[in-house]
Every structure is written in structure tokens, then in C-alpha cells.
Amino acid sequence: TPTMALAISTAVTVAFAATGAFERVIALAAFFFVAIYATSFSAVFWLRYKEPAAARPYCAWGYPWSTAIALLGSLAFLVGAVWTDIVHSAVAVALLILSYPIYRALK
């Protein structure tokens, strides 16, 4: 497991929970989880496009339709989250952008 990322995520979550802003924690976490799912679904399409002859150690059931439906659902959730809660969505995107330089510095 990515121990440092887990420790930082835990510290940030505890800090949010300690402030009594549990709703914010859930809103941010939901955005992150769905963004990660959307990235994973997109990666399936990208890798199969870029490396069509590569060995496939697993099969995505119903590919490409099941993956496309899951990706569209994830994107719809993200668009809805931004549309209805711009503040938490902006904070989530800002944290995501800030996390990459921290990741690179710690690696």
C-alpha cells in the first residue's frame, strides 16, 4: 500500500472530522472516489487502444459497453457534483492538483 499517501489522507480526514465538517469530508471523498473510478475506466479504453496486442490477464465483462456505461455514469456524477456544489468540487480539484507535487517531492 502507498503508506505515505495513506498517512497523509488519514491526517487530512482526521483534521476535517475534528472541525465538525463531516459533510465536507464526505463531499470531498465522494468526488475523489468517483474521479478515481472514471480515471480507471478511461485507462481501460486508453490501454486497449494504445496496446491492442498486449496480454490481457483479466477480461472486463461486457467490454466495451459495461466499461462505457460505468465511465458515463462516473462522468455524469462528476458533472452533477460540480453543477450542484461548486465549492466542494473546486476544493477537491485544488487538493488533487496540490497532491501531485507533494507526491513527487515525497517519492
PDB file of N, CA and C in Angstrom:
ATOM      1  N   THR A   1       0.841  -1.194   0.000  1.00  0.00           N
ATOM      2  CA  THR A   1       0.000   0.000   0.000  1.00  0.00           C
ATOM      3  C   THR A   1       0.872   1.238   0.000  1.00  0.00           C
ATOM      4  N   PRO A   2       0.364   2.317  -0.528  1.00  0.00           N
ATOM      5  CA  PRO A   2       1.118   3.584  -0.500  1.00  0.00           C
ATOM      6  C   PRO A   2       1.051   4.191   0.904  1.00  0.00           C
ATOM      7  N   THR A   3       1.970   3.804   1.744  1.00  0.00           N
ATOM      8  CA  THR A   3       1.929   4.139   3.167  1.00  0.00           C
ATOM      9  C   THR A   3       1.883   5.649   3.404  1.00  0.00           C
ATOM     10  N   MET A   4       2.732   6.394   2.713  1.00  0.00           N
ATOM     11  CA  MET A   4       2.772   7.844   2.934  1.00  0.00           C
ATOM     12  C   MET A   4       1.452   8.489   2.516  1.00  0.00           C
ATOM     13  N   ALA A   5       0.909   8.085   1.381  1.00  0.00           N
ATOM     14  CA  ALA A   5      -0.368   8.639   0.925  1.00  0.00           C
ATOM     15  C   ALA A   5      -1.478   8.302   1.899  1.00  0.00           C
ATOM     16  N   LEU A   6      -1.464   7.095   2.416  1.00  0.00           N
ATOM     17  CA  LEU A   6      -2.469   6.686   3.392  1.00  0.00           C
ATOM     18  C   LEU A   6      -2.351   7.506   4.669  1.00  0.00           C
ATOM     19  N   ALA A   7      -1.138   7.748   5.120  1.00  0.00           N
ATOM     20  CA  ALA A   7      -0.921   8.541   6.333  1.00  0.00           C
ATOM     21  C   ALA A   7      -1.379   9.982   6.145  1.00  0.00           C
ATOM     22  N   ILE A   8      -1.054  10.567   5.005  1.00  0.00           N
ATOM     23  CA  ILE A   8      -1.469  11.949   4.734  1.00  0.00           C
ATOM     24  C   ILE A   8      -2.984  12.028   4.605  1.00  0.00           C
ATOM     25  N   SER A   9      -3.571  11.084   3.897  1.00  0.00           N
ATOM     26  CA  SER A   9      -5.033  11.075   3.746  1.00  0.00           C
ATOM     27  C   SER A   9      -5.722  10.926   5.093  1.00  0.00           C
ATOM     28  N   THR A  10      -5.173  10.073   5.935  1.00  0.00           N
ATOM     29  CA  THR A  10      -5.743   9.885   7.266  1.00  0.00           C
ATOM     30  C   THR A  10      -5.638  11.163   8.086  1.00  0.00           C
ATOM     31  N   ALA A  11      -4.498  11.814   8.028  1.00  0.00           N
ATOM     32  CA  ALA A  11      -4.306  13.061   8.779  1.00  0.00           C
ATOM     33  C   ALA A  11      -5.271  14.149   8.308  1.00  0.00           C
ATOM     34  N   VAL A  12      -5.437  14.269   7.007  1.00  0.00           N
ATOM     35  CA  VAL A  12      -6.360  15.277   6.476  1.00  0.00           C
ATOM     36  C   VAL A  12      -7.793  14.947   6.873  1.00  0.00           C
ATOM     37  N   THR A  13      -8.172  13.675   6.790  1.00  0.00           N
ATOM     38  CA  THR A  13      -9.527  13.271   7.162  1.00  0.00           C
ATOM     39  C   THR A  13      -9.789  13.520   8.640  1.00  0.00           C
ATOM     40  N   VAL A  14      -8.835  13.189   9.485  1.00  0.00           N
ATOM     41  CA  VAL A  14      -8.992  13.437  10.925  1.00  0.00           C
ATOM     42  C   VAL A  14      -9.112  14.937  11.184  1.00  0.00           C
ATOM     43  N   ALA A  15      -8.333  15.737  10.486  1.00  0.00           N
ATOM     44  CA  ALA A  15      -8.411  17.191  10.660  1.00  0.00           C
ATOM     45  C   ALA A  15      -9.795  17.721  10.259  1.00  0.00           C
ATOM     46  N   PHE A  16     -10.312  17.237   9.133  1.00  0.00           N
ATOM     47  CA  PHE A  16     -11.655  17.660   8.720  1.00  0.00           C
ATOM     48  C   PHE A  16     -12.709  17.198   9.721  1.00  0.00           C
ATOM     49  N   ALA A  17     -12.616  15.969  10.149  1.00  0.00           N
ATOM     50  CA  ALA A  17     -13.599  15.433  11.095  1.00  0.00           C
ATOM     51  C   ALA A  17     -13.525  16.162  12.430  1.00  0.00           C
ATOM     52  N   ALA A  18     -12.331  16.548  12.855  1.00  0.00           N
ATOM     53  CA  ALA A  18     -12.164  17.253  14.129  1.00  0.00           C
ATOM     54  C   ALA A  18     -12.803  18.642  14.099  1.00  0.00           C
ATOM     55  N   THR A  19     -12.927  19.227  12.934  1.00  0.00           N
ATOM     56  CA  THR A  19     -13.544  20.553  12.831  1.00  0.00           C
ATOM     57  C   THR A  19     -15.065  20.469  12.805  1.00  0.00           C
ATOM     58  N   GLY A  20     -15.613  19.258  12.782  1.00  0.00           N
ATOM     59  CA  GLY A  20     -17.062  19.099  12.742  1.00  0.00           C
ATOM     60  C   GLY A  20     -17.634  19.227  11.344  1.00  0.00           C
ATOM     61  N   ALA A  21     -16.768  19.195  10.348  1.00  0.00           N
ATOM     62  CA  ALA A  21     -17.193  19.375   8.966  1.00  0.00           C
ATOM     63  C   ALA A  21     -17.281  18.026   8.254  1.00  0.00           C
ATOM     64  N   PHE A  22     -17.996  17.090   8.868  1.00  0.00           N
ATOM     65  CA  PHE A  22     -18.073  15.745   8.304  1.00  0.00           C
ATOM     66  C   PHE A  22     -18.720  15.757   6.920  1.00  0.00           C
ATOM     67  N   GLU A  23     -19.696  16.622   6.718  1.00  0.00           N
ATOM     68  CA  GLU A  23     -20.359  16.706   5.402  1.00  0.00           C
ATOM     69  C   GLU A  23     -19.354  17.088   4.327  1.00  0.00           C
ATOM     70  N   ARG A  24     -18.435  17.993   4.659  1.00  0.00           N
ATOM     71  CA  ARG A  24     -17.400  18.374   3.697  1.00  0.00           C
ATOM     72  C   ARG A  24     -16.487  17.189   3.380  1.00  0.00           C
ATOM     73  N   VAL A  25     -16.151  16.433   4.407  1.00  0.00           N
ATOM     74  CA  VAL A  25     -15.286  15.265   4.202  1.00  0.00           C
ATOM     75  C   VAL A  25     -15.958  14.281   3.243  1.00  0.00           C
ATOM     76  N   ILE A  26     -17.235  14.022   3.465  1.00  0.00           N
ATOM     77  CA  ILE A  26     -17.962  13.088   2.592  1.00  0.00           C
ATOM     78  C   ILE A  26     -18.057  13.630   1.173  1.00  0.00           C
ATOM     79  N   ALA A  27     -18.334  14.923   1.025  1.00  0.00           N
ATOM     80  CA  ALA A  27     -18.444  15.523  -0.310  1.00  0.00           C
ATOM     81  C   ALA A  27     -17.115  15.432  -1.055  1.00  0.00           C
ATOM     82  N   LEU A  28     -16.023  15.713  -0.366  1.00  0.00           N
ATOM     83  CA  LEU A  28     -14.708  15.641  -1.000  1.00  0.00           C
ATOM     84  C   LEU A  28     -14.337  14.199  -1.320  1.00  0.00           C
ATOM     85  N   ALA A  29     -14.593  13.306  -0.388  1.00  0.00           N
ATOM     86  CA  ALA A  29     -14.248  11.898  -0.608  1.00  0.00           C
ATOM     87  C   ALA A  29     -15.042  11.314  -1.773  1.00  0.00           C
ATOM     88  N   ALA A  30     -16.324  11.630  -1.851  1.00  0.00           N
ATOM     89  CA  ALA A  30     -17.148  11.116  -2.949  1.00  0.00           C
ATOM     90  C   ALA A  30     -16.606  11.598  -4.291  1.00  0.00           C
ATOM     91  N   PHE A  31     -16.241  12.867  -4.349  1.00  0.00           N
ATOM     92  CA  PHE A  31     -15.688  13.418  -5.585  1.00  0.00           C
ATOM     93  C   PHE A  31     -14.416  12.679  -5.965  1.00  0.00           C
ATOM     94  N   PHE A  32     -13.509  12.481  -4.997  1.00  0.00           N
ATOM     95  CA  PHE A  32     -12.255  11.785  -5.262  1.00  0.00           C
ATOM     96  C   PHE A  32     -12.484  10.344  -5.700  1.00  0.00           C
ATOM     97  N   PHE A  33     -13.344   9.624  -4.992  1.00  0.00           N
ATOM     98  CA  PHE A  33     -13.587   8.224  -5.333  1.00  0.00           C
ATOM     99  C   PHE A  33     -14.111   8.082  -6.750  1.00  0.00           C
ATOM    100  N   VAL A  34     -15.077   8.900  -7.095  1.00  0.00           N
ATOM    101  CA  VAL A  34     -15.660   8.793  -8.442  1.00  0.00           C
ATOM    102  C   VAL A  34     -14.662   9.249  -9.495  1.00  0.00           C
ATOM    103  N   ALA A  35     -13.852  10.249  -9.183  1.00  0.00           N
ATOM    104  CA  ALA A  35     -12.814  10.684 -10.132  1.00  0.00           C
ATOM    105  C   ALA A  35     -11.809   9.561 -10.372  1.00  0.00           C
ATOM    106  N   ILE A  36     -11.462   8.832  -9.319  1.00  0.00           N
ATOM    107  CA  ILE A  36     -10.543   7.700  -9.464  1.00  0.00           C
ATOM    108  C   ILE A  36     -11.188   6.599 -10.316  1.00  0.00           C
ATOM    109  N   TYR A  37     -12.459   6.322 -10.077  1.00  0.00           N
ATOM    110  CA  TYR A  37     -13.155   5.322 -10.902  1.00  0.00           C
ATOM    111  C   TYR A  37     -13.163   5.744 -12.366  1.00  0.00           C
ATOM    112  N   ALA A  38     -13.492   7.010 -12.630  1.00  0.00           N
ATOM    113  CA  ALA A  38     -13.545   7.495 -14.009  1.00  0.00           C
ATOM    114  C   ALA A  38     -12.174   7.380 -14.669  1.00  0.00           C
ATOM    115  N   THR A  39     -11.129   7.680 -13.927  1.00  0.00           N
ATOM    116  CA  THR A  39      -9.774   7.548 -14.454  1.00  0.00           C
ATOM    117  C   THR A  39      -9.456   6.094 -14.775  1.00  0.00           C
ATOM    118  N   SER A  40      -9.865   5.191 -13.902  1.00  0.00           N
ATOM    119  CA  SER A  40      -9.619   3.763 -14.130  1.00  0.00           C
ATOM    120  C   SER A  40     -10.367   3.256 -15.360  1.00  0.00           C
ATOM    121  N   PHE A  41     -11.624   3.650 -15.495  1.00  0.00           N
ATOM    122  CA  PHE A  41     -12.400   3.221 -16.666  1.00  0.00           C
ATOM    123  C   PHE A  41     -11.790   3.781 -17.946  1.00  0.00           C
ATOM    124  N   SER A  42     -11.353   5.026 -17.896  1.00  0.00           N
ATOM    125  CA  SER A  42     -10.710   5.634 -19.066  1.00  0.00           C
ATOM    126  C   SER A  42      -9.418   4.913 -19.410  1.00  0.00           C
ATOM    127  N   ALA A  43      -8.689   4.484 -18.378  1.00  0.00           N
ATOM    128  CA  ALA A  43      -7.420   3.782 -18.605  1.00  0.00           C
ATOM    129  C   ALA A  43      -7.633   2.468 -19.345  1.00  0.00           C
ATOM    130  N   VAL A  44      -8.738   1.795 -19.089  1.00  0.00           N
ATOM    131  CA  VAL A  44      -9.028   0.541 -19.797  1.00  0.00           C
ATOM    132  C   VAL A  44      -9.131   0.821 -21.294  1.00  0.00           C
ATOM    133  N   PHE A  45      -9.890   1.858 -21.648  1.00  0.00           N
ATOM    134  CA  PHE A  45     -10.013   2.205 -23.068  1.00  0.00           C
ATOM    135  C   PHE A  45      -8.671   2.633 -23.647  1.00  0.00           C
ATOM    136  N   TRP A  46      -7.930   3.471 -22.937  1.00  0.00           N
ATOM    137  CA  TRP A  46      -6.666   4.002 -23.429  1.00  0.00           C
ATOM    138  C   TRP A  46      -5.644   2.881 -23.660  1.00  0.00           C
ATOM    139  N   LEU A  47      -5.513   2.007 -22.682  1.00  0.00           N
ATOM    140  CA  LEU A  47      -4.530   0.936 -22.829  1.00  0.00           C
ATOM    141  C   LEU A  47      -4.903  -0.045 -23.943  1.00  0.00           C
ATOM    142  N   ARG A  48      -6.180  -0.317 -24.088  1.00  0.00           N
ATOM    143  CA  ARG A  48      -6.583  -1.224 -25.173  1.00  0.00           C
ATOM    144  C   ARG A  48      -6.423  -0.574 -26.540  1.00  0.00           C
ATOM    145  N   TYR A  49      -6.491   0.754 -26.571  1.00  0.00           N
ATOM    146  CA  TYR A  49      -6.264   1.480 -27.822  1.00  0.00           C
ATOM    147  C   TYR A  49      -4.767   1.539 -28.136  1.00  0.00           C
ATOM    148  N   LYS A  50      -3.954   1.884 -27.131  1.00  0.00           N
ATOM    149  CA  LYS A  50      -2.520   2.062 -27.350  1.00  0.00           C
ATOM    150  C   LYS A  50      -1.779   0.743 -27.515  1.00  0.00           C
ATOM    151  N   GLU A  51      -2.223  -0.304 -26.838  1.00  0.00           N
ATOM    152  CA  GLU A  51      -1.542  -1.590 -26.902  1.00  0.00           C
ATOM    153  C   GLU A  51      -2.549  -2.714 -27.158  1.00  0.00           C
ATOM    154  N   PRO A  52      -3.075  -2.772 -28.372  1.00  0.00           N
ATOM    155  CA  PRO A  52      -4.125  -3.767 -28.653  1.00  0.00           C
ATOM    156  C   PRO A  52      -3.641  -5.213 -28.602  1.00  0.00           C
ATOM    157  N   ALA A  53      -2.350  -5.440 -28.793  1.00  0.00           N
ATOM    158  CA  ALA A  53      -1.842  -6.811 -28.811  1.00  0.00           C
ATOM    159  C   ALA A  53      -1.308  -7.271 -27.456  1.00  0.00           C
ATOM    160  N   ALA A  54      -1.358  -6.423 -26.460  1.00  0.00           N
ATOM    161  CA  ALA A  54      -0.821  -6.783 -25.140  1.00  0.00           C
ATOM    162  C   ALA A  54      -1.641  -7.908 -24.519  1.00  0.00           C
ATOM    163  N   ALA A  55      -0.961  -8.688 -23.688  1.00  0.00           N
ATOM    164  CA  ALA A  55      -1.649  -9.775 -22.987  1.00  0.00           C
ATOM    165  C   ALA A  55      -2.661  -9.182 -22.014  1.00  0.00           C
ATOM    166  N   ARG A  56      -3.816  -9.804 -21.912  1.00  0.00           N
ATOM    167  CA  ARG A  56      -4.877  -9.334 -21.022  1.00  0.00           C
ATOM    168  C   ARG A  56      -5.039 -10.343 -19.893  1.00  0.00           C
ATOM    169  N   PRO A  57      -4.491 -10.043 -18.719  1.00  0.00           N
ATOM    170  CA  PRO A  57      -4.588 -11.000 -17.613  1.00  0.00           C
ATOM    171  C   PRO A  57      -6.001 -11.111 -17.040  1.00  0.00           C
ATOM    172  N   TYR A  58      -6.867 -10.194 -17.382  1.00  0.00           N
ATOM    173  CA  TYR A  58      -8.256 -10.276 -16.949  1.00  0.00           C
ATOM    174  C   TYR A  58      -9.139  -9.759 -18.076  1.00  0.00           C
ATOM    175  N   CYS A  59     -10.387 -10.118 -18.026  1.00  0.00           N
ATOM    176  CA  CYS A  59     -11.347  -9.646 -19.022  1.00  0.00           C
ATOM    177  C   CYS A  59     -12.347  -8.733 -18.340  1.00  0.00           C
ATOM    178  N   ALA A  60     -12.633  -7.613 -18.968  1.00  0.00           N
ATOM    179  CA  ALA A  60     -13.671  -6.708 -18.466  1.00  0.00           C
ATOM    180  C   ALA A  60     -14.995  -7.222 -19.026  1.00  0.00           C
ATOM    181  N   TRP A  61     -15.862  -7.724 -18.140  1.00  0.00           N
ATOM    182  CA  TRP A  61     -17.118  -8.310 -18.569  1.00  0.00           C
ATOM    183  C   TRP A  61     -17.926  -7.276 -19.360  1.00  0.00           C
ATOM    184  N   GLY A  62     -18.401  -7.649 -20.518  1.00  0.00           N
ATOM    185  CA  GLY A  62     -19.238  -6.776 -21.335  1.00  0.00           C
ATOM    186  C   GLY A  62     -18.487  -5.659 -22.032  1.00  0.00           C
ATOM    187  N   TYR A  63     -17.159  -5.737 -22.036  1.00  0.00           N
ATOM    188  CA  TYR A  63     -16.376  -4.688 -22.674  1.00  0.00           C
ATOM    189  C   TYR A  63     -16.744  -4.595 -24.141  1.00  0.00           C
ATOM    190  N   PRO A  64     -16.928  -3.438 -24.697  1.00  0.00           N
ATOM    191  CA  PRO A  64     -16.706  -2.101 -24.165  1.00  0.00           C
ATOM    192  C   PRO A  64     -17.943  -1.468 -23.527  1.00  0.00           C
ATOM    193  N   TRP A  65     -19.081  -2.132 -23.626  1.00  0.00           N
ATOM    194  CA  TRP A  65     -20.326  -1.497 -23.181  1.00  0.00           C
ATOM    195  C   TRP A  65     -20.390  -1.300 -21.670  1.00  0.00           C
ATOM    196  N   SER A  66     -20.030  -2.297 -20.909  1.00  0.00           N
ATOM    197  CA  SER A  66     -20.114  -2.162 -19.453  1.00  0.00           C
ATOM    198  C   SER A  66     -19.153  -1.084 -18.950  1.00  0.00           C
ATOM    199  N   THR A  67     -17.962  -1.044 -19.521  1.00  0.00           N
ATOM    200  CA  THR A  67     -16.981  -0.040 -19.127  1.00  0.00           C
ATOM    201  C   THR A  67     -17.447   1.354 -19.545  1.00  0.00           C
ATOM    202  N   ALA A  68     -18.027   1.462 -20.731  1.00  0.00           N
ATOM    203  CA  ALA A  68     -18.513   2.757 -21.211  1.00  0.00           C
ATOM    204  C   ALA A  68     -19.668   3.264 -20.349  1.00  0.00           C
ATOM    205  N   ILE A  69     -20.567   2.381 -19.963  1.00  0.00           N
ATOM    206  CA  ILE A  69     -21.694   2.790 -19.111  1.00  0.00           C
ATOM    207  C   ILE A  69     -21.187   3.250 -17.750  1.00  0.00           C
ATOM    208  N   ALA A  70     -20.235   2.519 -17.186  1.00  0.00           N
ATOM    209  CA  ALA A  70     -19.666   2.910 -15.898  1.00  0.00           C
ATOM    210  C   ALA A  70     -18.931   4.249 -16.015  1.00  0.00           C
ATOM    211  N   LEU A  71     -18.201   4.452 -17.098  1.00  0.00           N
ATOM    212  CA  LEU A  71     -17.499   5.718 -17.313  1.00  0.00           C
ATOM    213  C   LEU A  71     -18.484   6.871 -17.465  1.00  0.00           C
ATOM    214  N   LEU A  72     -19.527   6.662 -18.260  1.00  0.00           N
ATOM    215  CA  LEU A  72     -20.529   7.715 -18.435  1.00  0.00           C
ATOM    216  C   LEU A  72     -21.237   8.045 -17.123  1.00  0.00           C
ATOM    217  N   GLY A  73     -21.535   7.030 -16.325  1.00  0.00           N
ATOM    218  CA  GLY A  73     -22.141   7.267 -15.019  1.00  0.00           C
ATOM    219  C   GLY A  73     -21.228   8.056 -14.102  1.00  0.00           C
ATOM    220  N   SER A  74     -19.946   7.723 -14.116  1.00  0.00           N
ATOM    221  CA  SER A  74     -18.973   8.444 -13.296  1.00  0.00           C
ATOM    222  C   SER A  74     -18.860   9.899 -13.740  1.00  0.00           C
ATOM    223  N   LEU A  75     -18.777  10.109 -15.045  1.00  0.00           N
ATOM    224  CA  LEU A  75     -18.681  11.477 -15.555  1.00  0.00           C
ATOM    225  C   LEU A  75     -19.948  12.272 -15.250  1.00  0.00           C
ATOM    226  N   ALA A  76     -21.101  11.618 -15.349  1.00  0.00           N
ATOM    227  CA  ALA A  76     -22.360  12.294 -15.018  1.00  0.00           C
ATOM    228  C   ALA A  76     -22.377  12.697 -13.546  1.00  0.00           C
ATOM    229  N   PHE A  77     -21.882  11.817 -12.676  1.00  0.00           N
ATOM    230  CA  PHE A  77     -21.808  12.159 -11.255  1.00  0.00           C
ATOM    231  C   PHE A  77     -20.896  13.359 -11.037  1.00  0.00           C
ATOM    232  N   LEU A  78     -19.727  13.355 -11.686  1.00  0.00           N
ATOM    233  CA  LEU A  78     -18.789  14.461 -11.513  1.00  0.00           C
ATOM    234  C   LEU A  78     -19.361  15.780 -12.022  1.00  0.00           C
ATOM    235  N   VAL A  79     -20.018  15.732 -13.171  1.00  0.00           N
ATOM    236  CA  VAL A  79     -20.657  16.946 -13.699  1.00  0.00           C
ATOM    237  C   VAL A  79     -21.752  17.422 -12.745  1.00  0.00           C
ATOM    238  N   GLY A  80     -22.549  16.494 -12.241  1.00  0.00           N
ATOM    239  CA  GLY A  80     -23.594  16.854 -11.281  1.00  0.00           C
ATOM    240  C   GLY A  80     -23.022  17.417  -9.998  1.00  0.00           C
ATOM    241  N   ALA A  81     -21.905  16.856  -9.543  1.00  0.00           N
ATOM    242  CA  ALA A  81     -21.268  17.361  -8.322  1.00  0.00           C
ATOM    243  C   ALA A  81     -20.777  18.786  -8.525  1.00  0.00           C
ATOM    244  N   VAL A  82     -20.160  19.046  -9.656  1.00  0.00           N
ATOM    245  CA  VAL A  82     -19.686  20.401  -9.941  1.00  0.00           C
ATOM    246  C   VAL A  82     -20.870  21.346 -10.096  1.00  0.00           C
ATOM    247  N   TRP A  83     -21.902  20.889 -10.768  1.00  0.00           N
ATOM    248  CA  TRP A  83     -23.076  21.729 -11.021  1.00  0.00           C
ATOM    249  C   TRP A  83     -23.789  22.120  -9.730  1.00  0.00           C
ATOM    250  N   THR A  84     -23.930  21.177  -8.803  1.00  0.00           N
ATOM    251  CA  THR A  84     -24.709  21.439  -7.589  1.00  0.00           C
ATOM    252  C   THR A  84     -23.877  21.908  -6.407  1.00  0.00           C
ATOM    253  N   ASP A  85     -22.571  21.642  -6.436  1.00  0.00           N
ATOM    254  CA  ASP A  85     -21.729  22.000  -5.287  1.00  0.00           C
ATOM    255  C   ASP A  85     -20.363  22.452  -5.779  1.00  0.00           C
ATOM    256  N   ILE A  86     -20.329  23.642  -6.324  1.00  0.00           N
ATOM    257  CA  ILE A  86     -19.105  24.151  -6.943  1.00  0.00           C
ATOM    258  C   ILE A  86     -17.987  24.347  -5.917  1.00  0.00           C
ATOM    259  N   VAL A  87     -18.334  24.707  -4.690  1.00  0.00           N
ATOM    260  CA  VAL A  87     -17.312  24.979  -3.680  1.00  0.00           C
ATOM    261  C   VAL A  87     -16.541  23.707  -3.327  1.00  0.00           C
ATOM    262  N   HIS A  88     -17.268  22.647  -2.960  1.00  0.00           N
ATOM    263  CA  HIS A  88     -16.588  21.403  -2.604  1.00  0.00           C
ATOM    264  C   HIS A  88     -15.869  20.793  -3.802  1.00  0.00           C
ATOM    265  N   SER A  89     -16.445  20.938  -4.983  1.00  0.00           N
ATOM    266  CA  SER A  89     -15.791  20.413  -6.177  1.00  0.00           C
ATOM    267  C   SER A  89     -14.498  21.154  -6.455  1.00  0.00           C
ATOM    268  N   ALA A  90     -14.512  22.469  -6.297  1.00  0.00           N
ATOM    269  CA  ALA A  90     -13.298  23.267  -6.518  1.00  0.00           C
ATOM    270  C   ALA A  90     -12.225  22.905  -5.489  1.00  0.00           C
ATOM    271  N   VAL A  91     -12.629  22.710  -4.245  1.00  0.00           N
ATOM    272  CA  VAL A  91     -11.677  22.311  -3.205  1.00  0.00           C
ATOM    273  C   VAL A  91     -11.088  20.941  -3.540  1.00  0.00           C
ATOM    274  N   ALA A  92     -11.922  20.014  -3.980  1.00  0.00           N
ATOM    275  CA  ALA A  92     -11.443  18.674  -4.330  1.00  0.00           C
ATOM    276  C   ALA A  92     -10.443  18.738  -5.479  1.00  0.00           C
ATOM    277  N   VAL A  93     -10.748  19.519  -6.497  1.00  0.00           N
ATOM    278  CA  VAL A  93      -9.834  19.644  -7.639  1.00  0.00           C
ATOM    279  C   VAL A  93      -8.537  20.319  -7.190  1.00  0.00           C
ATOM    280  N   ALA A  94      -8.633  21.340  -6.348  1.00  0.00           N
ATOM    281  CA  ALA A  94      -7.434  22.013  -5.848  1.00  0.00           C
ATOM    282  C   ALA A  94      -6.566  21.053  -5.035  1.00  0.00           C
ATOM    283  N   LEU A  95      -7.187  20.255  -4.181  1.00  0.00           N
ATOM    284  CA  LEU A  95      -6.426  19.269  -3.412  1.00  0.00           C
ATOM    285  C   LEU A  95      -5.778  18.239  -4.328  1.00  0.00           C
ATOM    286  N   LEU A  96      -6.487  17.852  -5.360  1.00  0.00           N
ATOM    287  CA  LEU A  96      -5.937  16.897  -6.317  1.00  0.00           C
ATOM    288  C   LEU A  96      -4.713  17.484  -7.022  1.00  0.00           C
ATOM    289  N   ILE A  97      -4.820  18.737  -7.444  1.00  0.00           N
ATOM    290  CA  ILE A  97      -3.693  19.389  -8.121  1.00  0.00           C
ATOM    291  C   ILE A  97      -2.511  19.560  -7.174  1.00  0.00           C
ATOM    292  N   LEU A  98      -2.778  19.937  -5.930  1.00  0.00           N
ATOM    293  CA  LEU A  98      -1.705  20.111  -4.950  1.00  0.00           C
ATOM    294  C   LEU A  98      -1.062  18.794  -4.530  1.00  0.00           C
ATOM    295  N   SER A  99      -1.806  17.712  -4.624  1.00  0.00           N
ATOM    296  CA  SER A  99      -1.272  16.434  -4.171  1.00  0.00           C
ATOM    297  C   SER A  99      -0.165  15.909  -5.073  1.00  0.00           C
ATOM    298  N   TYR A 100      -0.185  16.239  -6.338  1.00  0.00           N
ATOM    299  CA  TYR A 100       0.830  15.698  -7.241  1.00  0.00           C
ATOM    300  C   TYR A 100       2.235  16.205  -6.902  1.00  0.00           C
ATOM    301  N   PRO A 101       2.447  17.518  -6.721  1.00  0.00           N
ATOM    302  CA  PRO A 101       3.797  17.949  -6.340  1.00  0.00           C
ATOM    303  C   PRO A 101       4.247  17.367  -4.995  1.00  0.00           C
ATOM    304  N   ILE A 102       3.310  17.183  -4.087  1.00  0.00           N
ATOM    305  CA  ILE A 102       3.653  16.580  -2.799  1.00  0.00           C
ATOM    306  C   ILE A 102       4.073  15.130  -3.014  1.00  0.00           C
ATOM    307  N   TYR A 103       3.342  14.429  -3.844  1.00  0.00           N
ATOM    308  CA  TYR A 103       3.692  13.047  -4.177  1.00  0.00           C
ATOM    309  C   TYR A 103       5.088  12.981  -4.784  1.00  0.00           C
ATOM    310  N   ARG A 104       5.367  13.848  -5.753  1.00  0.00           N
ATOM    311  CA  ARG A 104       6.680  13.844  -6.406  1.00  0.00           C
ATOM    312  C   ARG A 104       7.799  14.181  -5.426  1.00  0.00           C
ATOM    313  N   ALA A 105       7.544  15.128  -4.522  1.00  0.00           N
ATOM    314  CA  ALA A 105       8.556  15.514  -3.536  1.00  0.00           C
ATOM    315  C   ALA A 105       8.838  14.375  -2.566  1.00  0.00           C
ATOM    316  N   LEU A 106       7.809  13.646  -2.171  1.00  0.00           N
ATOM    317  CA  LEU A 106       7.992  12.562  -1.225  1.00  0.00           C
ATOM    318  C   LEU A 106       8.549  11.294  -1.861  1.00  0.00           C
ATOM    319  N   LYS A 107       8.374  11.173  -3.159  1.00  0.00           N
ATOM    320  CA  LYS A 107       8.871   9.988  -3.850  1.00  0.00           C
ATOM    321  C   LYS A 107      10.343  10.137  -4.071  1.00  0.00           C
TER     322      LYS A 107
END
